[in-house]
């Protein structure tokens, strides 16, 4: 599974200090615990895949910037766990709403998707050989 965001993207968006507070849980490292951060990014990417998998061929060839932002928001929410402030809860809910709309086809990433193959020229055709049950064709049975 490909990740939609990197640790550097998280640092760029939320700052190193916040990520140290969220990942260095016992305060012993005084640095970002990369294993904790990578697990949150993996979990966030898996959650995104759950919504996109029915519509898009995964892994995506190119990751749109909106999915990087959503991955970072979900990972940040997951790192906060039950301590997530209301603002983070709202951002998480908005991200999930966006992903649900993508999954339903109400929004698009601008990428080819598996759920909509476009118009088809493969139409049903009806033909017949005339009337099968006519008196003159029955030869005495009717």
N, C-alpha and C. Protein backbone atom coordinates (compact mmCIF):
# COMPACT_ATOMS: atom_id res chain seq x y z
N UNK A 1 0.84 -1.17 0.00
CA UNK A 1 0.00 0.00 0.00
C UNK A 1 0.89 1.24 0.00
N UNK A 2 0.55 2.17 -0.86
CA UNK A 2 1.29 3.43 -0.94
C UNK A 2 0.70 4.42 0.06
N UNK A 3 1.56 5.25 0.63
CA UNK A 3 1.11 6.28 1.55
C UNK A 3 0.74 7.53 0.76
N UNK A 4 -0.27 8.23 1.22
CA UNK A 4 -0.71 9.45 0.56
C UNK A 4 0.05 10.67 1.07
N UNK A 5 0.75 10.55 2.17
CA UNK A 5 1.51 11.66 2.73
C UNK A 5 2.78 11.10 3.36
N UNK A 6 3.77 11.97 3.51
CA UNK A 6 5.04 11.59 4.12
C UNK A 6 5.18 12.28 5.47
N UNK A 7 6.17 11.84 6.20
CA UNK A 7 6.47 12.50 7.49
C UNK A 7 6.83 13.96 7.26
N UNK A 8 7.53 14.25 6.18
CA UNK A 8 7.90 15.63 5.88
C UNK A 8 6.67 16.49 5.60
N UNK A 9 5.67 15.91 4.93
CA UNK A 9 4.43 16.64 4.68
C UNK A 9 3.74 16.98 6.00
N UNK A 10 3.79 16.06 6.95
CA UNK A 10 3.21 16.33 8.28
C UNK A 10 3.97 17.45 8.99
N UNK A 11 5.30 17.42 8.91
CA UNK A 11 6.12 18.46 9.54
C UNK A 11 5.83 19.81 8.89
N UNK A 12 5.74 19.84 7.57
CA UNK A 12 5.46 21.09 6.86
C UNK A 12 4.10 21.68 7.25
N UNK A 13 3.13 20.82 7.48
CA UNK A 13 1.78 21.30 7.79
C UNK A 13 1.58 21.66 9.25
N UNK A 14 2.14 20.86 10.15
CA UNK A 14 1.79 21.03 11.56
C UNK A 14 2.97 21.39 12.46
N UNK A 15 4.15 21.35 11.94
CA UNK A 15 5.32 21.73 12.70
C UNK A 15 5.92 20.57 13.48
N UNK A 16 7.22 20.65 13.65
CA UNK A 16 7.96 19.59 14.33
C UNK A 16 7.59 19.51 15.80
N UNK A 17 7.37 20.65 16.43
CA UNK A 17 7.07 20.66 17.86
C UNK A 17 5.78 19.91 18.18
N UNK A 18 4.74 20.16 17.39
CA UNK A 18 3.48 19.46 17.62
C UNK A 18 3.64 17.96 17.41
N UNK A 19 4.38 17.58 16.38
CA UNK A 19 4.56 16.15 16.11
C UNK A 19 5.41 15.47 17.17
N UNK A 20 6.34 16.18 17.76
CA UNK A 20 7.10 15.61 18.88
C UNK A 20 6.16 15.34 20.04
N UNK A 21 5.27 16.29 20.32
CA UNK A 21 4.32 16.11 21.42
C UNK A 21 3.37 14.94 21.17
N UNK A 22 2.99 14.75 19.91
CA UNK A 22 2.03 13.70 19.58
C UNK A 22 2.67 12.31 19.46
N UNK A 23 3.93 12.25 19.06
CA UNK A 23 4.54 10.94 18.81
C UNK A 23 5.46 10.47 19.92
N UNK A 24 6.13 11.37 20.60
CA UNK A 24 7.04 10.99 21.69
C UNK A 24 6.21 10.92 22.97
N UNK A 25 5.52 9.83 23.13
CA UNK A 25 4.49 9.72 24.17
C UNK A 25 5.03 9.74 25.59
N UNK A 26 6.23 9.24 25.81
CA UNK A 26 6.77 9.27 27.18
C UNK A 26 7.77 10.41 27.38
N UNK A 27 8.03 11.17 26.32
CA UNK A 27 8.92 12.32 26.42
C UNK A 27 10.39 11.99 26.53
N UNK A 28 10.78 10.76 26.28
CA UNK A 28 12.17 10.35 26.45
C UNK A 28 13.05 10.70 25.25
N UNK A 29 12.47 10.76 24.05
CA UNK A 29 13.28 10.97 22.85
C UNK A 29 13.53 12.44 22.54
N UNK A 30 12.60 13.31 22.89
CA UNK A 30 12.67 14.72 22.53
C UNK A 30 12.80 14.91 21.03
N UNK A 31 12.22 13.98 20.27
CA UNK A 31 12.23 14.03 18.81
C UNK A 31 10.97 13.31 18.32
N UNK A 32 10.72 13.44 17.04
CA UNK A 32 9.57 12.76 16.46
C UNK A 32 9.84 11.26 16.45
N UNK A 33 8.92 10.50 17.01
CA UNK A 33 9.01 9.03 16.96
C UNK A 33 8.51 8.60 15.59
N UNK A 34 9.43 8.33 14.70
CA UNK A 34 9.07 8.04 13.31
C UNK A 34 8.18 6.81 13.18
N UNK A 35 8.37 5.82 14.03
CA UNK A 35 7.53 4.63 13.94
C UNK A 35 6.07 4.96 14.26
N UNK A 36 5.86 5.81 15.24
CA UNK A 36 4.49 6.20 15.61
C UNK A 36 3.88 7.04 14.49
N UNK A 37 4.64 7.98 13.95
CA UNK A 37 4.15 8.84 12.87
C UNK A 37 3.85 8.02 11.62
N UNK A 38 4.75 7.12 11.27
CA UNK A 38 4.53 6.29 10.09
C UNK A 38 3.32 5.38 10.24
N UNK A 39 3.07 4.89 11.46
CA UNK A 39 1.89 4.06 11.69
C UNK A 39 0.61 4.87 11.50
N UNK A 40 0.61 6.11 11.98
CA UNK A 40 -0.56 6.97 11.79
C UNK A 40 -0.79 7.27 10.31
N UNK A 41 0.29 7.51 9.57
CA UNK A 41 0.16 7.75 8.13
C UNK A 41 -0.33 6.51 7.39
N UNK A 42 0.15 5.35 7.82
CA UNK A 42 -0.30 4.08 7.22
C UNK A 42 -1.79 3.86 7.49
N UNK A 43 -2.21 4.11 8.73
CA UNK A 43 -3.62 3.94 9.09
C UNK A 43 -4.50 4.92 8.31
N UNK A 44 -4.05 6.16 8.19
CA UNK A 44 -4.81 7.17 7.45
C UNK A 44 -4.91 6.79 5.98
N UNK A 45 -3.82 6.32 5.40
CA UNK A 45 -3.82 5.91 3.99
C UNK A 45 -4.75 4.71 3.77
N UNK A 46 -4.76 3.78 4.71
CA UNK A 46 -5.66 2.63 4.60
C UNK A 46 -7.12 3.07 4.67
N UNK A 47 -7.40 4.05 5.51
CA UNK A 47 -8.76 4.57 5.61
C UNK A 47 -9.18 5.23 4.30
N UNK A 48 -8.27 5.98 3.70
CA UNK A 48 -8.56 6.61 2.40
C UNK A 48 -8.78 5.54 1.34
N UNK A 49 -7.95 4.52 1.31
CA UNK A 49 -8.10 3.43 0.34
C UNK A 49 -9.47 2.76 0.47
N UNK A 50 -9.97 2.67 1.69
CA UNK A 50 -11.27 2.06 1.90
C UNK A 50 -12.39 2.79 1.17
N UNK A 51 -12.28 4.10 1.07
CA UNK A 51 -13.29 4.89 0.37
C UNK A 51 -13.04 4.94 -1.14
N UNK A 52 -11.79 4.90 -1.56
CA UNK A 52 -11.47 5.05 -2.98
C UNK A 52 -11.42 3.72 -3.73
N UNK A 53 -11.23 2.62 -3.00
CA UNK A 53 -10.99 1.33 -3.63
C UNK A 53 -12.07 0.86 -4.57
N UNK A 54 -13.32 1.19 -4.30
CA UNK A 54 -14.40 0.75 -5.17
C UNK A 54 -14.52 1.57 -6.44
N UNK A 55 -13.82 2.69 -6.49
CA UNK A 55 -13.98 3.59 -7.63
C UNK A 55 -12.71 3.77 -8.45
N UNK A 56 -11.57 3.74 -7.80
CA UNK A 56 -10.31 3.99 -8.48
C UNK A 56 -9.40 2.77 -8.40
N UNK A 57 -8.56 2.60 -9.42
CA UNK A 57 -7.56 1.54 -9.42
C UNK A 57 -6.45 1.95 -8.45
N UNK A 58 -6.23 1.13 -7.42
CA UNK A 58 -5.22 1.44 -6.40
C UNK A 58 -3.99 0.59 -6.61
N UNK A 59 -2.82 1.07 -6.32
CA UNK A 59 -2.49 2.42 -5.85
C UNK A 59 -2.60 3.42 -6.99
N UNK A 60 -2.93 4.66 -6.63
CA UNK A 60 -3.06 5.72 -7.62
C UNK A 60 -1.71 6.00 -8.26
N UNK A 61 -1.71 6.27 -9.55
CA UNK A 61 -0.46 6.57 -10.25
C UNK A 61 0.11 7.90 -9.77
N UNK A 62 -0.75 8.87 -9.58
CA UNK A 62 -0.35 10.16 -9.02
C UNK A 62 -1.27 10.49 -7.87
N UNK A 63 -0.71 11.07 -6.83
CA UNK A 63 -1.51 11.40 -5.65
C UNK A 63 -1.89 12.87 -5.73
N UNK A 64 -3.19 13.17 -5.87
CA UNK A 64 -3.62 14.56 -5.88
C UNK A 64 -3.33 15.23 -4.53
N UNK A 65 -3.05 16.53 -4.57
CA UNK A 65 -2.70 17.28 -3.36
C UNK A 65 -3.79 17.20 -2.30
N UNK A 66 -5.04 17.11 -2.73
CA UNK A 66 -6.13 17.06 -1.77
C UNK A 66 -6.05 15.79 -0.91
N UNK A 67 -5.58 14.69 -1.49
CA UNK A 67 -5.46 13.45 -0.71
C UNK A 67 -4.29 13.53 0.26
N UNK A 68 -3.25 14.26 -0.09
CA UNK A 68 -2.14 14.47 0.84
C UNK A 68 -2.63 15.24 2.06
N UNK A 69 -3.40 16.30 1.80
CA UNK A 69 -3.94 17.10 2.91
C UNK A 69 -4.87 16.26 3.78
N UNK A 70 -5.74 15.49 3.15
CA UNK A 70 -6.68 14.66 3.91
C UNK A 70 -5.94 13.61 4.71
N UNK A 71 -4.91 13.01 4.13
CA UNK A 71 -4.12 12.01 4.85
C UNK A 71 -3.47 12.63 6.08
N UNK A 72 -2.92 13.82 5.91
CA UNK A 72 -2.30 14.51 7.06
C UNK A 72 -3.33 14.82 8.14
N UNK A 73 -4.51 15.29 7.74
CA UNK A 73 -5.55 15.61 8.72
C UNK A 73 -6.01 14.36 9.48
N UNK A 74 -6.19 13.27 8.76
CA UNK A 74 -6.63 12.02 9.41
C UNK A 74 -5.54 11.50 10.34
N UNK A 75 -4.29 11.52 9.88
CA UNK A 75 -3.18 11.04 10.71
C UNK A 75 -3.06 11.89 11.98
N UNK A 76 -3.20 13.19 11.85
CA UNK A 76 -3.13 14.09 13.02
C UNK A 76 -4.26 13.77 14.00
N UNK A 77 -5.44 13.54 13.46
CA UNK A 77 -6.58 13.17 14.31
C UNK A 77 -6.30 11.86 15.03
N UNK A 78 -5.76 10.88 14.32
CA UNK A 78 -5.47 9.58 14.93
C UNK A 78 -4.38 9.69 16.00
N UNK A 79 -3.41 10.56 15.77
CA UNK A 79 -2.35 10.74 16.77
C UNK A 79 -2.88 11.38 18.05
N UNK A 80 -3.88 12.23 17.92
CA UNK A 80 -4.47 12.88 19.09
C UNK A 80 -5.36 11.94 19.87
N UNK A 81 -5.84 10.90 19.22
CA UNK A 81 -6.67 9.88 19.86
C UNK A 81 -7.89 10.53 20.52
N UNK A 82 -8.18 10.19 21.75
CA UNK A 82 -9.36 10.74 22.42
C UNK A 82 -9.15 12.17 22.92
N UNK A 83 -7.95 12.69 22.79
CA UNK A 83 -7.66 14.06 23.22
C UNK A 83 -7.90 15.07 22.10
N UNK A 84 -8.41 14.65 20.97
CA UNK A 84 -8.56 15.53 19.81
C UNK A 84 -9.49 16.69 20.12
N UNK A 85 -9.02 17.91 19.92
CA UNK A 85 -9.88 19.07 20.12
C UNK A 85 -11.01 19.11 19.09
N UNK A 86 -11.99 19.95 19.34
CA UNK A 86 -13.15 20.03 18.47
C UNK A 86 -12.77 20.41 17.04
N UNK A 87 -11.79 21.29 16.88
CA UNK A 87 -11.34 21.70 15.55
C UNK A 87 -10.81 20.51 14.75
N UNK A 88 -10.03 19.65 15.40
CA UNK A 88 -9.51 18.46 14.70
C UNK A 88 -10.63 17.49 14.36
N UNK A 89 -11.60 17.37 15.26
CA UNK A 89 -12.75 16.51 15.00
C UNK A 89 -13.52 17.01 13.77
N UNK A 90 -13.70 18.31 13.66
CA UNK A 90 -14.40 18.87 12.50
C UNK A 90 -13.62 18.66 11.21
N UNK A 91 -12.29 18.83 11.26
CA UNK A 91 -11.48 18.59 10.08
C UNK A 91 -11.53 17.12 9.66
N UNK A 92 -11.51 16.23 10.64
CA UNK A 92 -11.60 14.80 10.36
C UNK A 92 -12.96 14.48 9.73
N UNK A 93 -14.03 15.01 10.31
CA UNK A 93 -15.37 14.75 9.78
C UNK A 93 -15.51 15.29 8.36
N UNK A 94 -14.93 16.48 8.10
CA UNK A 94 -14.98 17.05 6.75
C UNK A 94 -14.20 16.17 5.77
N UNK A 95 -13.07 15.65 6.21
CA UNK A 95 -12.26 14.78 5.35
C UNK A 95 -13.02 13.50 5.01
N UNK A 96 -13.66 12.92 6.00
CA UNK A 96 -14.43 11.69 5.76
C UNK A 96 -15.62 11.98 4.86
N UNK A 97 -16.27 13.12 5.04
CA UNK A 97 -17.37 13.51 4.16
C UNK A 97 -16.91 13.65 2.72
N UNK A 98 -15.75 14.24 2.53
CA UNK A 98 -15.18 14.38 1.20
C UNK A 98 -14.90 13.01 0.59
N UNK A 99 -14.31 12.11 1.38
CA UNK A 99 -14.00 10.77 0.89
C UNK A 99 -15.27 9.99 0.55
N UNK A 100 -16.31 10.15 1.35
CA UNK A 100 -17.58 9.48 1.05
C UNK A 100 -18.15 9.98 -0.27
N UNK A 101 -18.07 11.29 -0.50
CA UNK A 101 -18.56 11.85 -1.76
C UNK A 101 -17.74 11.35 -2.95
N UNK A 102 -16.43 11.20 -2.74
CA UNK A 102 -15.59 10.62 -3.81
C UNK A 102 -16.01 9.19 -4.11
N UNK A 103 -16.22 8.42 -3.04
CA UNK A 103 -16.59 7.02 -3.22
C UNK A 103 -17.93 6.85 -3.92
N UNK A 104 -18.87 7.77 -3.67
CA UNK A 104 -20.20 7.69 -4.30
C UNK A 104 -20.20 8.24 -5.72
N UNK A 105 -19.13 8.94 -6.08
CA UNK A 105 -19.08 9.51 -7.42
C UNK A 105 -19.64 10.92 -7.49
N UNK A 106 -19.97 11.51 -6.36
CA UNK A 106 -20.48 12.89 -6.35
C UNK A 106 -19.37 13.89 -6.63
N UNK A 107 -18.14 13.55 -6.27
CA UNK A 107 -16.96 14.36 -6.55
C UNK A 107 -15.98 13.50 -7.32
N UNK A 108 -15.02 14.16 -7.95
CA UNK A 108 -14.02 13.43 -8.72
C UNK A 108 -12.64 13.96 -8.43
N UNK A 109 -11.66 13.08 -8.51
CA UNK A 109 -10.27 13.48 -8.38
C UNK A 109 -9.68 13.89 -9.73
N UNK A 110 -10.46 13.74 -10.79
CA UNK A 110 -9.95 14.04 -12.12
C UNK A 110 -9.11 12.92 -12.69
N UNK A 111 -9.18 11.76 -12.08
CA UNK A 111 -8.43 10.59 -12.53
C UNK A 111 -9.41 9.59 -13.13
N UNK A 112 -8.96 8.72 -14.04
CA UNK A 112 -9.85 7.67 -14.53
C UNK A 112 -10.25 6.75 -13.38
N UNK A 113 -11.52 6.40 -13.34
CA UNK A 113 -11.96 5.51 -12.27
C UNK A 113 -12.57 4.25 -12.84
N UNK A 114 -12.65 3.24 -11.99
CA UNK A 114 -13.19 1.94 -12.40
C UNK A 114 -14.71 1.91 -12.34
N UNK A 115 -15.30 2.81 -11.58
CA UNK A 115 -16.74 2.78 -11.37
C UNK A 115 -17.53 3.32 -12.55
N UNK A 116 -16.90 4.08 -13.44
CA UNK A 116 -17.60 4.68 -14.56
C UNK A 116 -16.80 4.44 -15.82
N UNK A 117 -17.26 3.54 -16.62
CA UNK A 117 -16.51 3.20 -17.82
C UNK A 117 -16.90 4.06 -19.02
N UNK A 118 -17.83 5.00 -18.85
CA UNK A 118 -18.23 5.88 -19.93
C UNK A 118 -19.27 5.24 -20.82
N UNK A 119 -19.69 5.96 -21.86
CA UNK A 119 -20.71 5.41 -22.75
C UNK A 119 -20.18 4.22 -23.53
N UNK A 120 -21.09 3.32 -23.83
CA UNK A 120 -20.71 2.10 -24.52
C UNK A 120 -21.50 1.98 -25.82
N UNK A 121 -20.88 1.42 -26.84
CA UNK A 121 -21.58 1.12 -28.09
C UNK A 121 -22.08 -0.31 -28.09
N UNK A 122 -21.96 -0.97 -27.01
CA UNK A 122 -22.35 -2.36 -26.85
C UNK A 122 -23.82 -2.42 -26.46
N UNK A 123 -24.71 -2.17 -27.41
CA UNK A 123 -26.14 -2.09 -27.12
C UNK A 123 -26.83 -3.40 -27.50
N UNK A 124 -27.93 -3.67 -26.84
CA UNK A 124 -28.71 -4.86 -27.14
C UNK A 124 -29.42 -4.69 -28.48
N UNK A 125 -29.50 -5.77 -29.24
CA UNK A 125 -30.20 -5.75 -30.52
C UNK A 125 -31.24 -6.85 -30.50
N UNK A 126 -32.40 -6.50 -31.02
CA UNK A 126 -33.51 -7.46 -31.05
C UNK A 126 -33.80 -7.78 -32.52
N UNK A 127 -33.94 -9.06 -32.80
CA UNK A 127 -34.31 -9.48 -34.15
C UNK A 127 -35.29 -10.64 -34.04
N UNK A 128 -36.03 -10.88 -35.10
CA UNK A 128 -36.97 -12.00 -35.08
C UNK A 128 -37.06 -12.60 -36.48
N UNK A 129 -37.54 -13.82 -36.55
CA UNK A 129 -37.68 -14.52 -37.83
C UNK A 129 -39.14 -14.57 -38.26
N UNK A 130 -39.91 -13.66 -37.85
CA UNK A 130 -41.32 -13.66 -38.20
C UNK A 130 -42.13 -14.37 -37.14
N UNK A 131 -43.39 -14.55 -37.42
CA UNK A 131 -44.28 -15.21 -36.47
C UNK A 131 -44.02 -16.71 -36.47
N UNK A 132 -43.82 -17.28 -35.31
CA UNK A 132 -43.56 -18.70 -35.20
C UNK A 132 -44.85 -19.49 -35.14
N UNK A 133 -45.81 -19.01 -34.40
CA UNK A 133 -47.07 -19.73 -34.22
C UNK A 133 -48.17 -19.07 -35.04
N UNK A 134 -48.25 -19.47 -36.30
CA UNK A 134 -49.33 -19.02 -37.18
C UNK A 134 -50.05 -20.26 -37.67
N UNK A 135 -51.32 -20.12 -38.05
CA UNK A 135 -52.10 -21.27 -38.51
C UNK A 135 -51.49 -21.91 -39.74
N UNK A 136 -51.00 -21.09 -40.64
CA UNK A 136 -50.47 -21.67 -41.88
C UNK A 136 -49.12 -22.36 -41.66
N UNK A 137 -48.41 -22.10 -40.53
CA UNK A 137 -47.15 -22.76 -40.21
C UNK A 137 -47.36 -23.97 -39.32
N UNK A 138 -48.56 -24.17 -38.78
CA UNK A 138 -48.76 -25.20 -37.77
C UNK A 138 -48.88 -26.60 -38.37
N UNK A 139 -49.21 -26.74 -39.61
CA UNK A 139 -49.29 -28.02 -40.31
C UNK A 139 -50.20 -29.03 -39.59
N UNK A 140 -51.34 -28.54 -39.20
CA UNK A 140 -52.32 -29.41 -38.62
C UNK A 140 -52.29 -29.55 -37.11
N UNK A 141 -51.36 -28.97 -36.45
CA UNK A 141 -51.32 -29.08 -35.00
C UNK A 141 -52.28 -28.12 -34.31
N UNK A 142 -52.64 -27.05 -35.00
CA UNK A 142 -53.56 -26.08 -34.36
C UNK A 142 -54.84 -26.04 -35.13
